[in-house]
PDB file of all heavy atoms in Angstrom:
ATOM      1  N   GLY A   1       2.526  -2.103  -4.176  1.00  0.00           N
ATOM      2  CA  GLY A   1       3.696  -1.836  -5.006  1.00  0.00           C
ATOM      3  C   GLY A   1       3.334  -1.299  -6.366  1.00  0.00           C
ATOM      4  O   GLY A   1       2.275  -1.542  -6.907  1.00  0.00           O
ATOM      5  N   GLY A   2       4.252  -0.540  -6.955  1.00  0.00           N
ATOM      6  CA  GLY A   2       4.059   0.017  -8.284  1.00  0.00           C
ATOM      7  C   GLY A   2       5.389   0.346  -8.886  1.00  0.00           C
ATOM      8  O   GLY A   2       6.434   0.262  -8.243  1.00  0.00           O
ATOM      9  N   ALA A   3       5.345   0.731 -10.167  1.00  0.00           N
ATOM     10  CA  ALA A   3       6.589   1.010 -10.872  1.00  0.00           C
ATOM     11  C   ALA A   3       7.372   2.132 -10.207  1.00  0.00           C
ATOM     12  O   ALA A   3       8.592   2.183 -10.278  1.00  0.00           O
ATOM     13  CB  ALA A   3       6.279   1.368 -12.324  1.00  0.00           C
ATOM     14  N   ASP A   4       6.635   3.067  -9.556  1.00  0.00           N
ATOM     15  CA  ASP A   4       7.316   4.199  -8.957  1.00  0.00           C
ATOM     16  C   ASP A   4       7.365   4.091  -7.439  1.00  0.00           C
ATOM     17  O   ASP A   4       7.738   5.045  -6.764  1.00  0.00           O
ATOM     18  CB  ASP A   4       6.596   5.507  -9.357  1.00  0.00           C
ATOM     19  CG  ASP A   4       6.621   5.705 -10.869  1.00  0.00           C
ATOM     20  OD1 ASP A   4       7.667   5.454 -11.478  1.00  0.00           O
ATOM     21  OD2 ASP A   4       5.583   6.106 -11.403  1.00  0.00           O
ATOM     22  N   GLY A   5       6.950   2.970  -6.883  1.00  0.00           N
ATOM     23  CA  GLY A   5       6.900   2.836  -5.443  1.00  0.00           C
ATOM     24  C   GLY A   5       8.246   2.551  -4.839  1.00  0.00           C
ATOM     25  O   GLY A   5       9.202   2.209  -5.531  1.00  0.00           O
ATOM     26  N   PRO A   6       8.345   2.684  -3.503  1.00  0.00           N
ATOM     27  CA  PRO A   6       9.585   2.343  -2.816  1.00  0.00           C
ATOM     28  C   PRO A   6       9.946   0.887  -3.023  1.00  0.00           C
ATOM     29  O   PRO A   6       9.097   0.050  -3.339  1.00  0.00           O
ATOM     30  CB  PRO A   6       9.242   2.627  -1.343  1.00  0.00           C
ATOM     31  CG  PRO A   6       8.078   3.541  -1.380  1.00  0.00           C
ATOM     32  CD  PRO A   6       7.305   3.181  -2.605  1.00  0.00           C
ATOM     33  N   LEU A   7      11.215   0.559  -2.822  1.00  0.00           N
ATOM     34  CA  LEU A   7      11.723  -0.779  -3.086  1.00  0.00           C
ATOM     35  C   LEU A   7      10.925  -1.838  -2.370  1.00  0.00           C
ATOM     36  O   LEU A   7      10.562  -2.851  -2.954  1.00  0.00           O
ATOM     37  CB  LEU A   7      13.198  -0.849  -2.693  1.00  0.00           C
ATOM     38  CG  LEU A   7      13.845  -2.206  -2.919  1.00  0.00           C
ATOM     39  CD1 LEU A   7      15.021  -2.065  -3.872  1.00  0.00           C
ATOM     40  CD2 LEU A   7      14.342  -2.790  -1.613  1.00  0.00           C
ATOM     41  N   GLU A   8      10.578  -1.610  -1.092  1.00  0.00           N
ATOM     42  CA  GLU A   8       9.939  -2.655  -0.324  1.00  0.00           C
ATOM     43  C   GLU A   8       8.482  -2.870  -0.738  1.00  0.00           C
ATOM     44  O   GLU A   8       7.850  -3.839  -0.328  1.00  0.00           O
ATOM     45  CB  GLU A   8      10.004  -2.337   1.177  1.00  0.00           C
ATOM     46  CG  GLU A   8       9.196  -1.128   1.616  1.00  0.00           C
ATOM     47  CD  GLU A   8      10.002   0.158   1.541  1.00  0.00           C
ATOM     48  OE1 GLU A   8      11.025   0.163   0.852  1.00  0.00           O
ATOM     49  OE2 GLU A   8       9.598   1.145   2.180  1.00  0.00           O
ATOM     50  N   LEU A   9       7.928  -1.980  -1.561  1.00  0.00           N
ATOM     51  CA  LEU A   9       6.536  -2.109  -1.967  1.00  0.00           C
ATOM     52  C   LEU A   9       6.371  -2.826  -3.304  1.00  0.00           C
ATOM     53  O   LEU A   9       5.264  -3.112  -3.721  1.00  0.00           O
ATOM     54  CB  LEU A   9       5.881  -0.720  -2.069  1.00  0.00           C
ATOM     55  CG  LEU A   9       5.841   0.112  -0.790  1.00  0.00           C
ATOM     56  CD1 LEU A   9       5.093   1.405  -1.019  1.00  0.00           C
ATOM     57  CD2 LEU A   9       5.203  -0.676   0.344  1.00  0.00           C
ATOM     58  N   SER A  10       7.432  -3.103  -3.988  1.00  0.00           N
ATOM     59  CA  SER A  10       7.314  -3.643  -5.335  1.00  0.00           C
ATOM     60  C   SER A  10       7.679  -5.121  -5.390  1.00  0.00           C
ATOM     61  O   SER A  10       8.784  -5.519  -5.034  1.00  0.00           O
ATOM     62  CB  SER A  10       8.205  -2.854  -6.294  1.00  0.00           C
ATOM     63  OG  SER A  10       8.184  -3.433  -7.571  1.00  0.00           O
ATOM     64  N   ALA A  11       6.748  -5.935  -5.868  1.00  0.00           N
ATOM     65  CA  ALA A  11       7.021  -7.365  -6.014  1.00  0.00           C
ATOM     66  C   ALA A  11       8.138  -7.597  -7.015  1.00  0.00           C
ATOM     67  O   ALA A  11       8.907  -8.554  -6.884  1.00  0.00           O
ATOM     68  CB  ALA A  11       5.744  -8.085  -6.448  1.00  0.00           C
ATOM     69  N   ALA A  12       8.231  -6.740  -8.031  1.00  0.00           N
ATOM     70  CA  ALA A  12       9.292  -6.895  -9.022  1.00  0.00           C
ATOM     71  C   ALA A  12      10.668  -6.781  -8.383  1.00  0.00           C
ATOM     72  O   ALA A  12      11.607  -7.491  -8.766  1.00  0.00           O
ATOM     73  CB  ALA A  12       9.134  -5.863 -10.137  1.00  0.00           C
ATOM     74  N   HIS A  13      10.816  -5.890  -7.403  1.00  0.00           N
ATOM     75  CA  HIS A  13      12.091  -5.772  -6.694  1.00  0.00           C
ATOM     76  C   HIS A  13      12.454  -7.089  -6.012  1.00  0.00           C
ATOM     77  O   HIS A  13      13.617  -7.508  -6.017  1.00  0.00           O
ATOM     78  CB  HIS A  13      12.004  -4.669  -5.631  1.00  0.00           C
ATOM     79  CG  HIS A  13      12.145  -3.282  -6.170  1.00  0.00           C
ATOM     80  ND1 HIS A  13      11.084  -2.573  -6.671  1.00  0.00           N
ATOM     81  CD2 HIS A  13      13.228  -2.482  -6.295  1.00  0.00           C
ATOM     82  CE1 HIS A  13      11.494  -1.384  -7.066  1.00  0.00           C
ATOM     83  NE2 HIS A  13      12.791  -1.302  -6.859  1.00  0.00           N
ATOM     84  N   HIS A  14      11.461  -7.723  -5.418  1.00  0.00           N
ATOM     85  CA  HIS A  14      11.700  -8.977  -4.706  1.00  0.00           C
ATOM     86  C   HIS A  14      12.179 -10.058  -5.673  1.00  0.00           C
ATOM     87  O   HIS A  14      13.106 -10.823  -5.369  1.00  0.00           O
ATOM     88  CB  HIS A  14      10.409  -9.402  -4.008  1.00  0.00           C
ATOM     89  CG  HIS A  14      10.557 -10.613  -3.133  1.00  0.00           C
ATOM     90  ND1 HIS A  14      11.300 -10.600  -1.972  1.00  0.00           N
ATOM     91  CD2 HIS A  14      10.063 -11.876  -3.267  1.00  0.00           C
ATOM     92  CE1 HIS A  14      11.257 -11.800  -1.412  1.00  0.00           C
ATOM     93  NE2 HIS A  14      10.504 -12.592  -2.181  1.00  0.00           N
ATOM     94  N   LEU A  15      11.557 -10.115  -6.853  1.00  0.00           N
ATOM     95  CA  LEU A  15      11.942 -11.113  -7.842  1.00  0.00           C
ATOM     96  C   LEU A  15      13.358 -10.863  -8.353  1.00  0.00           C
ATOM     97  O   LEU A  15      14.147 -11.805  -8.510  1.00  0.00           O
ATOM     98  CB  LEU A  15      10.955 -11.097  -9.006  1.00  0.00           C
ATOM     99  CG  LEU A  15       9.535 -11.570  -8.695  1.00  0.00           C
ATOM    100  CD1 LEU A  15       8.631 -11.338  -9.896  1.00  0.00           C
ATOM    101  CD2 LEU A  15       9.513 -13.029  -8.295  1.00  0.00           C
ATOM    102  N   VAL A  16      13.687  -9.618  -8.615  1.00  0.00           N
ATOM    103  CA  VAL A  16      15.034  -9.282  -9.091  1.00  0.00           C
ATOM    104  C   VAL A  16      16.070  -9.629  -8.032  1.00  0.00           C
ATOM    105  O   VAL A  16      17.124 -10.214  -8.333  1.00  0.00           O
ATOM    106  CB  VAL A  16      15.121  -7.793  -9.472  1.00  0.00           C
ATOM    107  CG1 VAL A  16      16.571  -7.377  -9.714  1.00  0.00           C
ATOM    108  CG2 VAL A  16      14.282  -7.520 -10.715  1.00  0.00           C
ATOM    109  N   ALA A  17      15.777  -9.288  -6.787  1.00  0.00           N
ATOM    110  CA  ALA A  17      16.717  -9.592  -5.702  1.00  0.00           C
ATOM    111  C   ALA A  17      16.928 -11.094  -5.567  1.00  0.00           C
ATOM    112  O   ALA A  17      18.046 -11.564  -5.320  1.00  0.00           O
ATOM    113  CB  ALA A  17      16.200  -9.009  -4.390  1.00  0.00           C
ATOM    114  N   HIS A  18      15.858 -11.865  -5.747  1.00  0.00           N
ATOM    115  CA  HIS A  18      15.978 -13.319  -5.648  1.00  0.00           C
ATOM    116  C   HIS A  18      16.855 -13.865  -6.775  1.00  0.00           C
ATOM    117  O   HIS A  18      17.708 -14.743  -6.542  1.00  0.00           O
ATOM    118  CB  HIS A  18      14.590 -13.969  -5.701  1.00  0.00           C
ATOM    119  CG  HIS A  18      14.620 -15.453  -5.572  1.00  0.00           C
ATOM    120  ND1 HIS A  18      14.674 -16.093  -4.351  1.00  0.00           N
ATOM    121  CD2 HIS A  18      14.620 -16.439  -6.510  1.00  0.00           C
ATOM    122  CE1 HIS A  18      14.702 -17.401  -4.539  1.00  0.00           C
ATOM    123  NE2 HIS A  18      14.669 -17.641  -5.842  1.00  0.00           N
ATOM    124  N   ALA A  19      16.654 -13.347  -8.000  1.00  0.00           N
ATOM    125  CA  ALA A  19      17.473 -13.813  -9.124  1.00  0.00           C
ATOM    126  C   ALA A  19      18.940 -13.488  -8.915  1.00  0.00           C
ATOM    127  O   ALA A  19      19.819 -14.305  -9.203  1.00  0.00           O
ATOM    128  CB  ALA A  19      16.967 -13.182 -10.419  1.00  0.00           C
ATOM    129  N   LYS A  20      19.209 -12.312  -8.406  1.00  0.00           N
ATOM    130  CA  LYS A  20      20.601 -11.929  -8.146  1.00  0.00           C
ATOM    131  C   LYS A  20      21.214 -12.819  -7.072  1.00  0.00           C
ATOM    132  O   LYS A  20      22.357 -13.291  -7.213  1.00  0.00           O
ATOM    133  CB  LYS A  20      20.669 -10.457  -7.732  1.00  0.00           C
ATOM    134  CG  LYS A  20      22.089  -9.949  -7.550  1.00  0.00           C
ATOM    135  CD  LYS A  20      22.114  -8.461  -7.276  1.00  0.00           C
ATOM    136  CE  LYS A  20      23.554  -7.965  -7.117  1.00  0.00           C
ATOM    137  NZ  LYS A  20      23.613  -6.506  -6.872  1.00  0.00           N
ATOM    138  N   ALA A  21      20.452 -13.065  -6.010  1.00  0.00           N
ATOM    139  CA  ALA A  21      20.951 -13.930  -4.933  1.00  0.00           C
ATOM    140  C   ALA A  21      21.152 -15.363  -5.425  1.00  0.00           C
ATOM    141  O   ALA A  21      22.014 -16.089  -4.914  1.00  0.00           O
ATOM    142  CB  ALA A  21      19.975 -13.910  -3.756  1.00  0.00           C
ATOM    143  N   ALA A  22      20.377 -15.762  -6.439  1.00  0.00           N
ATOM    144  CA  ALA A  22      20.491 -17.114  -6.981  1.00  0.00           C
ATOM    145  C   ALA A  22      21.654 -17.255  -7.953  1.00  0.00           C
ATOM    146  O   ALA A  22      21.873 -18.339  -8.493  1.00  0.00           O
ATOM    147  CB  ALA A  22      19.190 -17.509  -7.674  1.00  0.00           C
ATOM    148  N   GLY A  23      22.377 -16.164  -8.188  1.00  0.00           N
ATOM    149  CA  GLY A  23      23.587 -16.255  -8.988  1.00  0.00           C
ATOM    150  C   GLY A  23      23.589 -15.523 -10.309  1.00  0.00           C
ATOM    151  O   GLY A  23      24.584 -15.568 -11.040  1.00  0.00           O
ATOM    152  N   SER A  24      22.504 -14.834 -10.670  1.00  0.00           N
ATOM    153  CA  SER A  24      22.491 -14.108 -11.940  1.00  0.00           C
ATOM    154  C   SER A  24      23.473 -12.943 -11.893  1.00  0.00           C
ATOM    155  O   SER A  24      23.474 -12.153 -10.953  1.00  0.00           O
ATOM    156  CB  SER A  24      21.092 -13.573 -12.251  1.00  0.00           C
ATOM    157  OG  SER A  24      21.116 -12.798 -13.433  1.00  0.00           O
ATOM    158  N   THR A  25      24.305 -12.837 -12.916  1.00  0.00           N
ATOM    159  CA  THR A  25      25.247 -11.709 -13.032  1.00  0.00           C
ATOM    160  C   THR A  25      24.889 -10.816 -14.204  1.00  0.00           C
ATOM    161  O   THR A  25      25.541  -9.803 -14.437  1.00  0.00           O
ATOM    162  CB  THR A  25      26.684 -12.233 -13.221  1.00  0.00           C
ATOM    163  OG1 THR A  25      26.748 -13.031 -14.405  1.00  0.00           O
ATOM    164  CG2 THR A  25      27.109 -13.062 -12.023  1.00  0.00           C
ATOM    165  N   ASP A  26      23.859 -11.179 -14.955  1.00  0.00           N
ATOM    166  CA  ASP A  26      23.447 -10.455 -16.158  1.00  0.00           C
ATOM    167  C   ASP A  26      22.547  -9.275 -15.781  1.00  0.00           C
ATOM    168  O   ASP A  26      22.085  -9.166 -14.637  1.00  0.00           O
ATOM    169  CB  ASP A  26      22.686 -11.424 -17.073  1.00  0.00           C
ATOM    170  CG  ASP A  26      22.623 -10.950 -18.515  1.00  0.00           C
ATOM    171  OD1 ASP A  26      23.085  -9.831 -18.802  1.00  0.00           O
ATOM    172  OD2 ASP A  26      22.104 -11.712 -19.358  1.00  0.00           O
ATOM    173  N   ASN A  27      22.297  -8.382 -16.754  1.00  0.00           N
ATOM    174  CA  ASN A  27      21.228  -7.400 -16.582  1.00  0.00           C
ATOM    175  C   ASN A  27      19.945  -8.154 -16.248  1.00  0.00           C
ATOM    176  O   ASN A  27      19.683  -9.223 -16.795  1.00  0.00           O
ATOM    177  CB  ASN A  27      20.984  -6.617 -17.863  1.00  0.00           C
ATOM    178  CG  ASN A  27      22.176  -5.823 -18.362  1.00  0.00           C
ATOM    179  OD1 ASN A  27      22.255  -5.541 -19.549  1.00  0.00           O
ATOM    180  ND2 ASN A  27      23.106  -5.448 -17.498  1.00  0.00           N
ATOM    181  N   ILE A  28      19.142  -7.597 -15.349  1.00  0.00           N
ATOM    182  CA  ILE A  28      17.862  -8.227 -14.992  1.00  0.00           C
ATOM    183  C   ILE A  28      16.745  -7.198 -15.112  1.00  0.00           C
ATOM    184  O   ILE A  28      16.829  -6.118 -14.523  1.00  0.00           O
ATOM    185  CB  ILE A  28      17.869  -8.784 -13.551  1.00  0.00           C
ATOM    186  CG1 ILE A  28      19.046  -9.737 -13.326  1.00  0.00           C
ATOM    187  CG2 ILE A  28      16.550  -9.505 -13.259  1.00  0.00           C
ATOM    188  CD1 ILE A  28      19.163 -10.215 -11.880  1.00  0.00           C
ATOM    189  N   THR A  29      15.710  -7.538 -15.875  1.00  0.00           N
ATOM    190  CA  THR A  29      14.493  -6.743 -15.929  1.00  0.00           C
ATOM    191  C   THR A  29      13.312  -7.658 -15.655  1.00  0.00           C
ATOM    192  O   THR A  29      13.184  -8.717 -16.271  1.00  0.00           O
ATOM    193  CB  THR A  29      14.307  -6.075 -17.305  1.00  0.00           C
ATOM    194  OG1 THR A  29      15.385  -5.171 -17.540  1.00  0.00           O
ATOM    195  CG2 THR A  29      12.981  -5.314 -17.367  1.00  0.00           C
ATOM    196  N   VAL A  30      12.461  -7.238 -14.721  1.00  0.00           N
ATOM    197  CA  VAL A  30      11.257  -7.985 -14.375  1.00  0.00           C
ATOM    198  C   VAL A  30      10.071  -7.028 -14.409  1.00  0.00           C
ATOM    199  O   VAL A  30      10.126  -5.939 -13.840  1.00  0.00           O
ATOM    200  CB  VAL A  30      11.372  -8.625 -12.980  1.00  0.00           C
ATOM    201  CG1 VAL A  30      10.015  -9.135 -12.500  1.00  0.00           C
ATOM    202  CG2 VAL A  30      12.378  -9.774 -13.001  1.00  0.00           C
ATOM    203  N   MET A  31       9.010  -7.451 -15.082  1.00  0.00           N
ATOM    204  CA  MET A  31       7.777  -6.666 -15.151  1.00  0.00           C
ATOM    205  C   MET A  31       6.607  -7.571 -14.775  1.00  0.00           C
ATOM    206  O   MET A  31       6.456  -8.663 -15.309  1.00  0.00           O
ATOM    207  CB  MET A  31       7.587  -6.126 -16.574  1.00  0.00           C
ATOM    208  CG  MET A  31       6.327  -5.307 -16.776  1.00  0.00           C
ATOM    209  SD  MET A  31       6.065  -4.875 -18.539  1.00  0.00           S
ATOM    210  CE  MET A  31       7.559  -3.959 -18.908  1.00  0.00           C
ATOM    211  N   LEU A  32       5.806  -7.110 -13.825  1.00  0.00           N
ATOM    212  CA  LEU A  32       4.604  -7.833 -13.407  1.00  0.00           C
ATOM    213  C   LEU A  32       3.383  -7.003 -13.782  1.00  0.00           C
ATOM    214  O   LEU A  32       3.251  -5.855 -13.357  1.00  0.00           O
ATOM    215  CB  LEU A  32       4.610  -8.068 -11.899  1.00  0.00           C
ATOM    216  CG  LEU A  32       5.411  -9.253 -11.361  1.00  0.00           C
ATOM    217  CD1 LEU A  32       5.548  -9.140  -9.852  1.00  0.00           C
ATOM    218  CD2 LEU A  32       4.739 -10.566 -11.730  1.00  0.00           C
ATOM    219  N   VAL A  33       2.505  -7.593 -14.576  1.00  0.00           N
ATOM    220  CA  VAL A  33       1.260  -6.930 -14.964  1.00  0.00           C
ATOM    221  C   VAL A  33       0.122  -7.694 -14.296  1.00  0.00           C
ATOM    222  O   VAL A  33      -0.198  -8.829 -14.664  1.00  0.00           O
ATOM    223  CB  VAL A  33       1.077  -6.933 -16.491  1.00  0.00           C
ATOM    224  CG1 VAL A  33      -0.207  -6.191 -16.869  1.00  0.00           C
ATOM    225  CG2 VAL A  33       2.280  -6.315 -17.190  1.00  0.00           C
ATOM    226  N   PHE A  34      -0.486  -7.070 -13.288  1.00  0.00           N
ATOM    227  CA  PHE A  34      -1.546  -7.735 -12.538  1.00  0.00           C
ATOM    228  C   PHE A  34      -2.854  -7.656 -13.311  1.00  0.00           C
ATOM    229  O   PHE A  34      -3.289  -6.573 -13.715  1.00  0.00           O
ATOM    230  CB  PHE A  34      -1.700  -7.099 -11.154  1.00  0.00           C
ATOM    231  CG  PHE A  34      -0.572  -7.428 -10.222  1.00  0.00           C
ATOM    232  CD1 PHE A  34       0.514  -6.568 -10.093  1.00  0.00           C
ATOM    233  CD2 PHE A  34      -0.579  -8.602  -9.502  1.00  0.00           C
ATOM    234  CE1 PHE A  34       1.565  -6.874  -9.252  1.00  0.00           C
ATOM    235  CE2 PHE A  34       0.477  -8.917  -8.647  1.00  0.00           C
ATOM    236  CZ  PHE A  34       1.556  -8.051  -8.522  1.00  0.00           C
ATOM    237  N   LEU A  35      -3.483  -8.795 -13.495  1.00  0.00           N
ATOM    238  CA  LEU A  35      -4.742  -8.868 -14.220  1.00  0.00           C
ATOM    239  C   LEU A  35      -5.938  -8.783 -13.285  1.00  0.00           C
ATOM    240  O   LEU A  35      -7.082  -8.715 -13.740  1.00  0.00           O
ATOM    241  CB  LEU A  35      -4.787 -10.159 -15.044  1.00  0.00           C
ATOM    242  CG  LEU A  35      -3.638 -10.293 -16.050  1.00  0.00           C
ATOM    243  CD1 LEU A  35      -3.690 -11.644 -16.751  1.00  0.00           C
ATOM    244  CD2 LEU A  35      -3.667  -9.162 -17.064  1.00  0.00           C
ATOM    245  N   ARG A  36      -5.674  -8.815 -12.000  1.00  0.00           N
ATOM    246  CA  ARG A  36      -6.674  -8.482 -10.982  1.00  0.00           C
ATOM    247  C   ARG A  36      -5.937  -7.907  -9.786  1.00  0.00           C
ATOM    248  O   ARG A  36      -4.724  -8.097  -9.640  1.00  0.00           O
ATOM    249  CB  ARG A  36      -7.526  -9.689 -10.600  1.00  0.00           C
ATOM    250  CG  ARG A  36      -6.782 -10.929 -10.154  1.00  0.00           C
ATOM    251  CD  ARG A  36      -7.779 -12.007  -9.802  1.00  0.00           C
ATOM    252  NE  ARG A  36      -7.179 -13.295  -9.502  1.00  0.00           N
ATOM    253  CZ  ARG A  36      -7.641 -14.116  -8.582  1.00  0.00           C
ATOM    254  NH1 ARG A  36      -8.706 -13.780  -7.856  1.00  0.00           N
ATOM    255  NH2 ARG A  36      -7.074 -15.297  -8.379  1.00  0.00           N
ATOM    256  N   PRO A  37      -6.620  -7.171  -8.911  1.00  0.00           N
ATOM    257  CA  PRO A  37      -5.926  -6.487  -7.825  1.00  0.00           C
ATOM    258  C   PRO A  37      -5.117  -7.445  -6.959  1.00  0.00           C
ATOM    259  O   PRO A  37      -5.597  -8.543  -6.622  1.00  0.00           O
ATOM    260  CB  PRO A  37      -7.067  -5.841  -7.020  1.00  0.00           C
ATOM    261  CG  PRO A  37      -8.173  -5.687  -8.001  1.00  0.00           C
ATOM    262  CD  PRO A  37      -8.064  -6.875  -8.918  1.00  0.00           C
ATOM    263  N   PRO A  38      -3.893  -7.054  -6.583  1.00  0.00           N
ATOM    264  CA  PRO A  38      -3.083  -7.923  -5.717  1.00  0.00           C
ATOM    265  C   PRO A  38      -3.768  -8.286  -4.413  1.00  0.00           C
ATOM    266  O   PRO A  38      -3.541  -9.368  -3.867  1.00  0.00           O
ATOM    267  CB  PRO A  38      -1.822  -7.072  -5.462  1.00  0.00           C
ATOM    268  CG  PRO A  38      -1.735  -6.169  -6.649  1.00  0.00           C
ATOM    269  CD  PRO A  38      -3.155  -5.850  -7.016  1.00  0.00           C
ATOM    270  N   GLU A  39      -4.635  -7.398  -3.910  1.00  0.00           N
ATOM    271  CA  GLU A  39      -5.352  -7.698  -2.683  1.00  0.00           C
ATOM    272  C   GLU A  39      -6.194  -8.962  -2.822  1.00  0.00           C
ATOM    273  O   GLU A  39      -6.373  -9.730  -1.872  1.00  0.00           O
ATOM    274  CB  GLU A  39      -6.246  -6.519  -2.293  1.00  0.00           C
ATOM    275  CG  GLU A  39      -5.490  -5.256  -1.891  1.00  0.00           C
ATOM    276  CD  GLU A  39      -5.047  -4.430  -3.086  1.00  0.00           C
ATOM    277  OE1 GLU A  39      -5.367  -4.815  -4.236  1.00  0.00           O
ATOM    278  OE2 GLU A  39      -4.369  -3.402  -2.878  1.00  0.00           O
ATOM    279  N   GLU A  40      -6.735  -9.177  -4.027  1.00  0.00           N
ATOM    280  CA  GLU A  40      -7.530 -10.388  -4.259  1.00  0.00           C
ATOM    281  C   GLU A  40      -6.664 -11.640  -4.188  1.00  0.00           C
ATOM    282  O   GLU A  40      -7.123 -12.698  -3.746  1.00  0.00           O
ATOM    283  CB  GLU A  40      -8.226 -10.312  -5.616  1.00  0.00           C
ATOM    284  CG  GLU A  40      -9.346  -9.296  -5.693  1.00  0.00           C
ATOM    285  CD  GLU A  40     -10.109  -9.399  -7.000  1.00  0.00           C
ATOM    286  OE1 GLU A  40      -9.914 -10.396  -7.726  1.00  0.00           O
ATOM    287  OE2 GLU A  40     -10.894  -8.482  -7.289  1.00  0.00           O
ATOM    288  N   LEU A  41      -5.421 -11.526  -4.643  1.00  0.00           N
ATOM    289  CA  LEU A  41      -4.518 -12.670  -4.585  1.00  0.00           C
ATOM    290  C   LEU A  41      -4.222 -13.039  -3.139  1.00  0.00           C
ATOM    291  O   LEU A  41      -4.191 -14.221  -2.777  1.00  0.00           O
ATOM    292  CB  LEU A  41      -3.212 -12.366  -5.319  1.00  0.00           C
ATOM    293  CG  LEU A  41      -3.314 -11.830  -6.749  1.00  0.00           C
ATOM    294  CD1 LEU A  41      -1.927 -11.747  -7.378  1.00  0.00           C
ATOM    295  CD2 LEU A  41      -4.225 -12.687  -7.582  1.00  0.00           C
ATOM    296  N   LEU A  42      -4.001 -12.018  -2.310  1.00  0.00           N
ATOM    297  CA  LEU A  42      -3.752 -12.284  -0.892  1.00  0.00           C
ATOM    298  C   LEU A  42      -4.974 -12.889  -0.219  1.00  0.00           C
ATOM    299  O   LEU A  42      -4.865 -13.829   0.575  1.00  0.00           O
ATOM    300  CB  LEU A  42      -3.358 -10.970  -0.197  1.00  0.00           C
ATOM    301  CG  LEU A  42      -1.970 -10.422  -0.530  1.00  0.00           C
ATOM    302  CD1 LEU A  42      -1.782  -9.045   0.096  1.00  0.00           C
ATOM    303  CD2 LEU A  42      -0.882 -11.370  -0.053  1.00  0.00           C
ATOM    304  N   ALA A  43      -6.143 -12.354  -0.548  1.00  0.00           N
ATOM    305  CA  ALA A  43      -7.377 -12.868   0.059  1.00  0.00           C
ATOM    306  C   ALA A  43      -7.609 -14.324  -0.337  1.00  0.00           C
ATOM    307  O   ALA A  43      -8.011 -15.157   0.487  1.00  0.00           O
ATOM    308  CB  ALA A  43      -8.570 -12.010  -0.369  1.00  0.00           C
ATOM    309  N   ALA A  44      -7.324 -14.640  -1.608  1.00  0.00           N
ATOM    310  CA  ALA A  44      -7.492 -16.023  -2.069  1.00  0.00           C
ATOM    311  C   ALA A  44      -6.510 -16.954  -1.369  1.00  0.00           C
ATOM    312  O   ALA A  44      -6.862 -18.089  -1.014  1.00  0.00           O
ATOM    313  CB  ALA A  44      -7.271 -16.085  -3.573  1.00  0.00           C
TER     314      ALA A  44
END
């Protein structure tokens, strides 16, 4: 996932969708800055 990637590739999209489903009606902005490659997180 990346800032310009398709919806299904971005973790930020998933977080925003979860907040909306949880009842948020406000503007929502989510930014994820990975400090190591996401692949390492999955491997761990």
